[in-house]
Amino acid sequence: MSTEEVPQYWAARLRRAIAEDERTTELGVRVDIRADHVHLSGEVACEARRAELEQVVHEHAPNLRVHNDLRVSAAGEPATREELR
């Protein structure tokens, strides 16, 4: 990222890269840029996806420091049976 570029444009580029990369294809990840820091936030399905998202950002913005605040959601099977009435 050069000093002349607007952080919002870089954030949009990174969101697009995350959405279009076949390893991630995530639409719900929030990307914020402050100075030379990228902040990722939101929720993902697994730890591997969290790491892949960080890797994609590193590849597209190697000069920025990544703060990965993505949470891994508990998406396991329900513990009990649901009763419909």
PDB file of N, CA and C in Angstrom:
ATOM      1  N   MET A   1       0.855  -1.168   0.000  1.00  0.00           N
ATOM      2  CA  MET A   1       0.000   0.000   0.000  1.00  0.00           C
ATOM      3  C   MET A   1       0.898   1.226   0.000  1.00  0.00           C
ATOM      4  N   SER A   2       0.690   2.102  -0.920  1.00  0.00           N
ATOM      5  CA  SER A   2       1.476   3.326  -0.955  1.00  0.00           C
ATOM      6  C   SER A   2       0.797   4.391  -0.088  1.00  0.00           C
ATOM      7  N   THR A   3       1.560   5.385   0.309  1.00  0.00           N
ATOM      8  CA  THR A   3       1.036   6.427   1.186  1.00  0.00           C
ATOM      9  C   THR A   3      -0.021   7.280   0.504  1.00  0.00           C
ATOM     10  N   GLU A   4      -0.043   7.293  -0.836  1.00  0.00           N
ATOM     11  CA  GLU A   4      -1.026   8.111  -1.551  1.00  0.00           C
ATOM     12  C   GLU A   4      -2.399   7.446  -1.637  1.00  0.00           C
ATOM     13  N   GLU A   5      -2.476   6.141  -1.419  1.00  0.00           N
ATOM     14  CA  GLU A   5      -3.732   5.429  -1.590  1.00  0.00           C
ATOM     15  C   GLU A   5      -4.615   5.548  -0.349  1.00  0.00           C
ATOM     16  N   VAL A   6      -5.884   5.654  -0.580  1.00  0.00           N
ATOM     17  CA  VAL A   6      -6.873   5.804   0.483  1.00  0.00           C
ATOM     18  C   VAL A   6      -7.107   4.436   1.141  1.00  0.00           C
ATOM     19  N   PRO A   7      -7.080   4.378   2.489  1.00  0.00           N
ATOM     20  CA  PRO A   7      -7.270   3.097   3.176  1.00  0.00           C
ATOM     21  C   PRO A   7      -8.567   2.386   2.807  1.00  0.00           C
ATOM     22  N   GLN A   8      -9.640   3.148   2.545  1.00  0.00           N
ATOM     23  CA  GLN A   8     -10.913   2.516   2.199  1.00  0.00           C
ATOM     24  C   GLN A   8     -10.806   1.735   0.883  1.00  0.00           C
ATOM     25  N   TYR A   9     -10.001   2.239  -0.059  1.00  0.00           N
ATOM     26  CA  TYR A   9      -9.812   1.527  -1.321  1.00  0.00           C
ATOM     27  C   TYR A   9      -9.065   0.220  -1.088  1.00  0.00           C
ATOM     28  N   TRP A  10      -8.058   0.261  -0.225  1.00  0.00           N
ATOM     29  CA  TRP A  10      -7.321  -0.949   0.094  1.00  0.00           C
ATOM     30  C   TRP A  10      -8.218  -1.951   0.812  1.00  0.00           C
ATOM     31  N   ALA A  11      -9.045  -1.477   1.709  1.00  0.00           N
ATOM     32  CA  ALA A  11      -9.958  -2.373   2.413  1.00  0.00           C
ATOM     33  C   ALA A  11     -10.915  -3.040   1.421  1.00  0.00           C
ATOM     34  N   ALA A  12     -11.418  -2.280   0.469  1.00  0.00           N
ATOM     35  CA  ALA A  12     -12.313  -2.837  -0.557  1.00  0.00           C
ATOM     36  C   ALA A  12     -11.590  -3.869  -1.410  1.00  0.00           C
ATOM     37  N   ARG A  13     -10.347  -3.588  -1.771  1.00  0.00           N
ATOM     38  CA  ARG A  13      -9.564  -4.558  -2.560  1.00  0.00           C
ATOM     39  C   ARG A  13      -9.347  -5.852  -1.795  1.00  0.00           C
ATOM     40  N   LEU A  14      -9.053  -5.729  -0.514  1.00  0.00           N
ATOM     41  CA  LEU A  14      -8.833  -6.929   0.298  1.00  0.00           C
ATOM     42  C   LEU A  14     -10.121  -7.713   0.496  1.00  0.00           C
ATOM     43  N   ARG A  15     -11.249  -7.016   0.699  1.00  0.00           N
ATOM     44  CA  ARG A  15     -12.540  -7.716   0.802  1.00  0.00           C
ATOM     45  C   ARG A  15     -12.834  -8.479  -0.485  1.00  0.00           C
ATOM     46  N   ARG A  16     -12.535  -7.863  -1.609  1.00  0.00           N
ATOM     47  CA  ARG A  16     -12.766  -8.520  -2.896  1.00  0.00           C
ATOM     48  C   ARG A  16     -11.847  -9.734  -3.056  1.00  0.00           C
ATOM     49  N   ALA A  17     -10.588  -9.587  -2.669  1.00  0.00           N
ATOM     50  CA  ALA A  17      -9.643 -10.706  -2.753  1.00  0.00           C
ATOM     51  C   ALA A  17     -10.111 -11.875  -1.885  1.00  0.00           C
ATOM     52  N   ILE A  18     -10.590 -11.577  -0.685  1.00  0.00           N
ATOM     53  CA  ILE A  18     -11.092 -12.608   0.222  1.00  0.00           C
ATOM     54  C   ILE A  18     -12.318 -13.293  -0.373  1.00  0.00           C
ATOM     55  N   ALA A  19     -13.198 -12.532  -0.992  1.00  0.00           N
ATOM     56  CA  ALA A  19     -14.418 -13.095  -1.579  1.00  0.00           C
ATOM     57  C   ALA A  19     -14.126 -13.933  -2.816  1.00  0.00           C
ATOM     58  N   GLU A  20     -13.126 -13.538  -3.602  1.00  0.00           N
ATOM     59  CA  GLU A  20     -12.868 -14.211  -4.872  1.00  0.00           C
ATOM     60  C   GLU A  20     -11.825 -15.324  -4.804  1.00  0.00           C
ATOM     61  N   ASP A  21     -11.020 -15.358  -3.764  1.00  0.00           N
ATOM     62  CA  ASP A  21      -9.997 -16.405  -3.654  1.00  0.00           C
ATOM     63  C   ASP A  21     -10.671 -17.742  -3.382  1.00  0.00           C
ATOM     64  N   GLU A  22     -10.299 -18.772  -4.137  1.00  0.00           N
ATOM     65  CA  GLU A  22     -10.961 -20.072  -4.011  1.00  0.00           C
ATOM     66  C   GLU A  22     -10.700 -20.739  -2.661  1.00  0.00           C
ATOM     67  N   ARG A  23      -9.674 -20.316  -1.940  1.00  0.00           N
ATOM     68  CA  ARG A  23      -9.407 -20.874  -0.615  1.00  0.00           C
ATOM     69  C   ARG A  23     -10.353 -20.323   0.440  1.00  0.00           C
ATOM     70  N   THR A  24     -10.893 -19.148   0.209  1.00  0.00           N
ATOM     71  CA  THR A  24     -11.681 -18.494   1.251  1.00  0.00           C
ATOM     72  C   THR A  24     -13.128 -18.257   0.854  1.00  0.00           C
ATOM     73  N   THR A  25     -13.388 -17.589  -0.226  1.00  0.00           N
ATOM     74  CA  THR A  25     -14.741 -17.225  -0.695  1.00  0.00           C
ATOM     75  C   THR A  25     -15.645 -16.753   0.444  1.00  0.00           C
ATOM     76  N   GLU A  26     -15.135 -15.868   1.263  1.00  0.00           N
ATOM     77  CA  GLU A  26     -15.885 -15.329   2.403  1.00  0.00           C
ATOM     78  C   GLU A  26     -16.447 -13.954   2.066  1.00  0.00           C
ATOM     79  N   LEU A  27     -17.705 -13.744   2.390  1.00  0.00           N
ATOM     80  CA  LEU A  27     -18.337 -12.448   2.171  1.00  0.00           C
ATOM     81  C   LEU A  27     -18.576 -11.683   3.467  1.00  0.00           C
ATOM     82  N   GLY A  28     -18.596 -12.370   4.596  1.00  0.00           N
ATOM     83  CA  GLY A  28     -18.963 -11.743   5.850  1.00  0.00           C
ATOM     84  C   GLY A  28     -17.807 -11.267   6.703  1.00  0.00           C
ATOM     85  N   VAL A  29     -16.607 -11.202   6.149  1.00  0.00           N
ATOM     86  CA  VAL A  29     -15.444 -10.774   6.924  1.00  0.00           C
ATOM     87  C   VAL A  29     -15.292  -9.258   6.826  1.00  0.00           C
ATOM     88  N   ARG A  30     -15.143  -8.619   7.962  1.00  0.00           N
ATOM     89  CA  ARG A  30     -14.947  -7.166   7.985  1.00  0.00           C
ATOM     90  C   ARG A  30     -13.454  -6.869   7.892  1.00  0.00           C
ATOM     91  N   VAL A  31     -13.101  -5.929   7.019  1.00  0.00           N
ATOM     92  CA  VAL A  31     -11.712  -5.527   6.813  1.00  0.00           C
ATOM     93  C   VAL A  31     -11.605  -4.030   7.081  1.00  0.00           C
ATOM     94  N   ASP A  32     -10.802  -3.663   8.067  1.00  0.00           N
ATOM     95  CA  ASP A  32     -10.558  -2.259   8.387  1.00  0.00           C
ATOM     96  C   ASP A  32      -9.059  -2.007   8.304  1.00  0.00           C
ATOM     97  N   ILE A  33      -8.696  -0.862   7.757  1.00  0.00           N
ATOM     98  CA  ILE A  33      -7.284  -0.492   7.672  1.00  0.00           C
ATOM     99  C   ILE A  33      -7.078   0.801   8.443  1.00  0.00           C
ATOM    100  N   ARG A  34      -6.096   0.754   9.333  1.00  0.00           N
ATOM    101  CA  ARG A  34      -5.695   1.933  10.104  1.00  0.00           C
ATOM    102  C   ARG A  34      -4.178   2.018  10.029  1.00  0.00           C
ATOM    103  N   ALA A  35      -3.707   3.086   9.419  1.00  0.00           N
ATOM    104  CA  ALA A  35      -2.261   3.283   9.200  1.00  0.00           C
ATOM    105  C   ALA A  35      -1.731   2.074   8.424  1.00  0.00           C
ATOM    106  N   ASP A  36      -0.773   1.331   8.977  1.00  0.00           N
ATOM    107  CA  ASP A  36      -0.228   0.171   8.266  1.00  0.00           C
ATOM    108  C   ASP A  36      -0.700  -1.141   8.888  1.00  0.00           C
ATOM    109  N   HIS A  37      -1.916  -1.126   9.453  1.00  0.00           N
ATOM    110  CA  HIS A  37      -2.490  -2.305  10.098  1.00  0.00           C
ATOM    111  C   HIS A  37      -3.811  -2.678   9.430  1.00  0.00           C
ATOM    112  N   VAL A  38      -3.997  -3.979   9.172  1.00  0.00           N
ATOM    113  CA  VAL A  38      -5.258  -4.519   8.669  1.00  0.00           C
ATOM    114  C   VAL A  38      -5.913  -5.266   9.821  1.00  0.00           C
ATOM    115  N   HIS A  39      -7.163  -4.959  10.096  1.00  0.00           N
ATOM    116  CA  HIS A  39      -7.915  -5.635  11.149  1.00  0.00           C
ATOM    117  C   HIS A  39      -9.007  -6.473  10.495  1.00  0.00           C
ATOM    118  N   LEU A  40      -8.953  -7.780  10.735  1.00  0.00           N
ATOM    119  CA  LEU A  40      -9.985  -8.703  10.244  1.00  0.00           C
ATOM    120  C   LEU A  40     -10.898  -9.043  11.407  1.00  0.00           C
ATOM    121  N   SER A  41     -12.203  -8.977  11.184  1.00  0.00           N
ATOM    122  CA  SER A  41     -13.149  -9.354  12.232  1.00  0.00           C
ATOM    123  C   SER A  41     -14.355 -10.021  11.597  1.00  0.00           C
ATOM    124  N   GLY A  42     -15.064 -10.746  12.418  1.00  0.00           N
ATOM    125  CA  GLY A  42     -16.226 -11.491  11.949  1.00  0.00           C
ATOM    126  C   GLY A  42     -16.173 -12.902  12.484  1.00  0.00           C
ATOM    127  N   GLU A  43     -16.906 -13.783  11.840  1.00  0.00           N
ATOM    128  CA  GLU A  43     -17.006 -15.162  12.291  1.00  0.00           C
ATOM    129  C   GLU A  43     -16.782 -16.106  11.126  1.00  0.00           C
ATOM    130  N   VAL A  44     -16.010 -17.159  11.364  1.00  0.00           N
ATOM    131  CA  VAL A  44     -15.735 -18.171  10.341  1.00  0.00           C
ATOM    132  C   VAL A  44     -16.040 -19.546  10.911  1.00  0.00           C
ATOM    133  N   ALA A  45     -16.102 -20.535  10.044  1.00  0.00           N
ATOM    134  CA  ALA A  45     -16.529 -21.876  10.446  1.00  0.00           C
ATOM    135  C   ALA A  45     -15.451 -22.697  11.137  1.00  0.00           C
ATOM    136  N   CYS A  46     -14.172 -22.456  10.821  1.00  0.00           N
ATOM    137  CA  CYS A  46     -13.120 -23.297  11.401  1.00  0.00           C
ATOM    138  C   CYS A  46     -11.795 -22.539  11.484  1.00  0.00           C
ATOM    139  N   GLU A  47     -10.880 -23.098  12.249  1.00  0.00           N
ATOM    140  CA  GLU A  47      -9.566 -22.484  12.442  1.00  0.00           C
ATOM    141  C   GLU A  47      -8.779 -22.446  11.133  1.00  0.00           C
ATOM    142  N   ALA A  48      -8.945 -23.459  10.287  1.00  0.00           N
ATOM    143  CA  ALA A  48      -8.233 -23.480   8.993  1.00  0.00           C
ATOM    144  C   ALA A  48      -8.666 -22.310   8.120  1.00  0.00           C
ATOM    145  N   ARG A  49      -9.963 -22.002   8.105  1.00  0.00           N
ATOM    146  CA  ARG A  49     -10.464 -20.875   7.312  1.00  0.00           C
ATOM    147  C   ARG A  49      -9.902 -19.565   7.850  1.00  0.00           C
ATOM    148  N   ARG A  50      -9.805 -19.447   9.155  1.00  0.00           N
ATOM    149  CA  ARG A  50      -9.249 -18.251   9.797  1.00  0.00           C
ATOM    150  C   ARG A  50      -7.807 -18.032   9.320  1.00  0.00           C
ATOM    151  N   ALA A  51      -7.018 -19.100   9.305  1.00  0.00           N
ATOM    152  CA  ALA A  51      -5.621 -19.013   8.864  1.00  0.00           C
ATOM    153  C   ALA A  51      -5.528 -18.698   7.370  1.00  0.00           C
ATOM    154  N   GLU A  52      -6.414 -19.290   6.563  1.00  0.00           N
ATOM    155  CA  GLU A  52      -6.411 -19.029   5.119  1.00  0.00           C
ATOM    156  C   GLU A  52      -6.722 -17.572   4.816  1.00  0.00           C
ATOM    157  N   LEU A  53      -7.653 -17.001   5.546  1.00  0.00           N
ATOM    158  CA  LEU A  53      -8.000 -15.594   5.354  1.00  0.00           C
ATOM    159  C   LEU A  53      -6.796 -14.703   5.646  1.00  0.00           C
ATOM    160  N   GLU A  54      -6.105 -14.998   6.712  1.00  0.00           N
ATOM    161  CA  GLU A  54      -4.912 -14.210   7.048  1.00  0.00           C
ATOM    162  C   GLU A  54      -3.854 -14.348   5.954  1.00  0.00           C
ATOM    163  N   GLN A  55      -3.681 -15.554   5.414  1.00  0.00           N
ATOM    164  CA  GLN A  55      -2.712 -15.783   4.344  1.00  0.00           C
ATOM    165  C   GLN A  55      -3.056 -14.993   3.090  1.00  0.00           C
ATOM    166  N   VAL A  56      -4.322 -14.977   2.714  1.00  0.00           N
ATOM    167  CA  VAL A  56      -4.758 -14.220   1.531  1.00  0.00           C
ATOM    168  C   VAL A  56      -4.449 -12.731   1.712  1.00  0.00           C
ATOM    169  N   VAL A  57      -4.717 -12.209   2.894  1.00  0.00           N
ATOM    170  CA  VAL A  57      -4.438 -10.794   3.161  1.00  0.00           C
ATOM    171  C   VAL A  57      -2.940 -10.531   3.080  1.00  0.00           C
ATOM    172  N   HIS A  58      -2.125 -11.425   3.647  1.00  0.00           N
ATOM    173  CA  HIS A  58      -0.662 -11.263   3.571  1.00  0.00           C
ATOM    174  C   HIS A  58      -0.184 -11.245   2.118  1.00  0.00           C
ATOM    175  N   GLU A  59      -0.772 -12.096   1.288  1.00  0.00           N
ATOM    176  CA  GLU A  59      -0.365 -12.165  -0.122  1.00  0.00           C
ATOM    177  C   GLU A  59      -0.702 -10.884  -0.872  1.00  0.00           C
ATOM    178  N   HIS A  60      -1.838 -10.280  -0.567  1.00  0.00           N
ATOM    179  CA  HIS A  60      -2.284  -9.081  -1.288  1.00  0.00           C
ATOM    180  C   HIS A  60      -1.764  -7.784  -0.689  1.00  0.00           C
ATOM    181  N   ALA A  61      -1.379  -7.821   0.569  1.00  0.00           N
ATOM    182  CA  ALA A  61      -0.882  -6.614   1.242  1.00  0.00           C
ATOM    183  C   ALA A  61       0.299  -6.993   2.143  1.00  0.00           C
ATOM    184  N   PRO A  62       1.417  -7.401   1.551  1.00  0.00           N
ATOM    185  CA  PRO A  62       2.548  -7.900   2.350  1.00  0.00           C
ATOM    186  C   PRO A  62       3.185  -6.844   3.258  1.00  0.00           C
ATOM    187  N   ASN A  63       2.982  -5.574   2.973  1.00  0.00           N
ATOM    188  CA  ASN A  63       3.602  -4.524   3.782  1.00  0.00           C
ATOM    189  C   ASN A  63       2.745  -4.099   4.968  1.00  0.00           C
ATOM    190  N   LEU A  64       1.552  -4.681   5.091  1.00  0.00           N
ATOM    191  CA  LEU A  64       0.655  -4.318   6.192  1.00  0.00           C
ATOM    192  C   LEU A  64       0.696  -5.389   7.275  1.00  0.00           C
ATOM    193  N   ARG A  65       0.561  -4.957   8.498  1.00  0.00           N
ATOM    194  CA  ARG A  65       0.527  -5.883   9.633  1.00  0.00           C
ATOM    195  C   ARG A  65      -0.922  -6.322   9.851  1.00  0.00           C
ATOM    196  N   VAL A  66      -1.140  -7.633   9.950  1.00  0.00           N
ATOM    197  CA  VAL A  66      -2.497  -8.171  10.058  1.00  0.00           C
ATOM    198  C   VAL A  66      -2.836  -8.482  11.514  1.00  0.00           C
ATOM    199  N   HIS A  67      -3.992  -7.986  11.949  1.00  0.00           N
ATOM    200  CA  HIS A  67      -4.553  -8.321  13.257  1.00  0.00           C
ATOM    201  C   HIS A  67      -5.781  -9.177  12.983  1.00  0.00           C
ATOM    202  N   ASN A  68      -5.665 -10.462  13.257  1.00  0.00           N
ATOM    203  CA  ASN A  68      -6.726 -11.406  12.943  1.00  0.00           C
ATOM    204  C   ASN A  68      -7.625 -11.599  14.164  1.00  0.00           C
ATOM    205  N   ASP A  69      -8.741 -10.898  14.184  1.00  0.00           N
ATOM    206  CA  ASP A  69      -9.701 -10.999  15.275  1.00  0.00           C
ATOM    207  C   ASP A  69     -10.926 -11.827  14.873  1.00  0.00           C
ATOM    208  N   LEU A  70     -10.756 -12.702  13.898  1.00  0.00           N
ATOM    209  CA  LEU A  70     -11.862 -13.553  13.462  1.00  0.00           C
ATOM    210  C   LEU A  70     -12.162 -14.598  14.532  1.00  0.00           C
ATOM    211  N   ARG A  71     -13.451 -14.808  14.798  1.00  0.00           N
ATOM    212  CA  ARG A  71     -13.875 -15.817  15.763  1.00  0.00           C
ATOM    213  C   ARG A  71     -14.296 -17.075  15.015  1.00  0.00           C
ATOM    214  N   VAL A  72     -13.979 -18.216  15.604  1.00  0.00           N
ATOM    215  CA  VAL A  72     -14.416 -19.492  15.040  1.00  0.00           C
ATOM    216  C   VAL A  72     -15.724 -19.863  15.722  1.00  0.00           C
ATOM    217  N   SER A  73     -16.766 -20.042  14.899  1.00  0.00           N
ATOM    218  CA  SER A  73     -18.082 -20.368  15.456  1.00  0.00           C
ATOM    219  C   SER A  73     -18.169 -21.862  15.750  1.00  0.00           C
ATOM    220  N   ALA A  74     -18.927 -22.183  16.757  1.00  0.00           N
ATOM    221  CA  ALA A  74     -19.172 -23.583  17.106  1.00  0.00           C
ATOM    222  C   ALA A  74     -20.318 -24.079  16.237  1.00  0.00           C
ATOM    223  N   ALA A  75     -19.989 -24.799  15.191  1.00  0.00           N
ATOM    224  CA  ALA A  75     -21.012 -25.243  14.241  1.00  0.00           C
ATOM    225  C   ALA A  75     -21.155 -26.757  14.249  1.00  0.00           C
ATOM    226  N   GLY A  76     -21.107 -27.346  15.433  1.00  0.00           N
ATOM    227  CA  GLY A  76     -21.246 -28.790  15.545  1.00  0.00           C
ATOM    228  C   GLY A  76     -22.700 -29.223  15.529  1.00  0.00           C
ATOM    229  N   GLU A  77     -22.878 -30.520  15.679  1.00  0.00           N
ATOM    230  CA  GLU A  77     -24.234 -31.063  15.729  1.00  0.00           C
ATOM    231  C   GLU A  77     -24.894 -30.675  17.050  1.00  0.00           C
ATOM    232  N   PRO A  78     -26.211 -30.521  17.039  1.00  0.00           N
ATOM    233  CA  PRO A  78     -26.898 -30.176  18.290  1.00  0.00           C
ATOM    234  C   PRO A  78     -26.759 -31.303  19.313  1.00  0.00           C
ATOM    235  N   ALA A  79     -26.681 -30.943  20.579  1.00  0.00           N
ATOM    236  CA  ALA A  79     -26.513 -31.918  21.647  1.00  0.00           C
ATOM    237  C   ALA A  79     -27.806 -32.696  21.930  1.00  0.00           C
ATOM    238  N   THR A  80     -28.938 -32.046  21.705  1.00  0.00           N
ATOM    239  CA  THR A  80     -30.227 -32.690  21.955  1.00  0.00           C
ATOM    240  C   THR A  80     -31.107 -32.610  20.721  1.00  0.00           C
ATOM    241  N   ARG A  81     -32.146 -33.379  20.750  1.00  0.00           N
ATOM    242  CA  ARG A  81     -33.094 -33.430  19.648  1.00  0.00           C
ATOM    243  C   ARG A  81     -34.079 -32.274  19.743  1.00  0.00           C
ATOM    244  N   GLU A  82     -34.376 -31.654  18.630  1.00  0.00           N
ATOM    245  CA  GLU A  82     -35.348 -30.556  18.620  1.00  0.00           C
ATOM    246  C   GLU A  82     -36.756 -31.118  18.519  1.00  0.00           C
ATOM    247  N   GLU A  83     -37.645 -30.637  19.366  1.00  0.00           N
ATOM    248  CA  GLU A  83     -39.037 -31.085  19.337  1.00  0.00           C
ATOM    249  C   GLU A  83     -39.890 -30.035  18.654  1.00  0.00           C
ATOM    250  N   LEU A  84     -40.622 -30.456  17.632  1.00  0.00           N
ATOM    251  CA  LEU A  84     -41.546 -29.564  16.935  1.00  0.00           C
ATOM    252  C   LEU A  84     -42.946 -29.817  17.450  1.00  0.00           C
ATOM    253  N   ARG A  85     -43.643 -28.776  17.785  1.00  0.00           N
ATOM    254  CA  ARG A  85     -45.008 -28.921  18.317  1.00  0.00           C
ATOM    255  C   ARG A  85     -46.008 -28.249  17.427  1.00  0.00           C
TER     256      ARG A  85
END
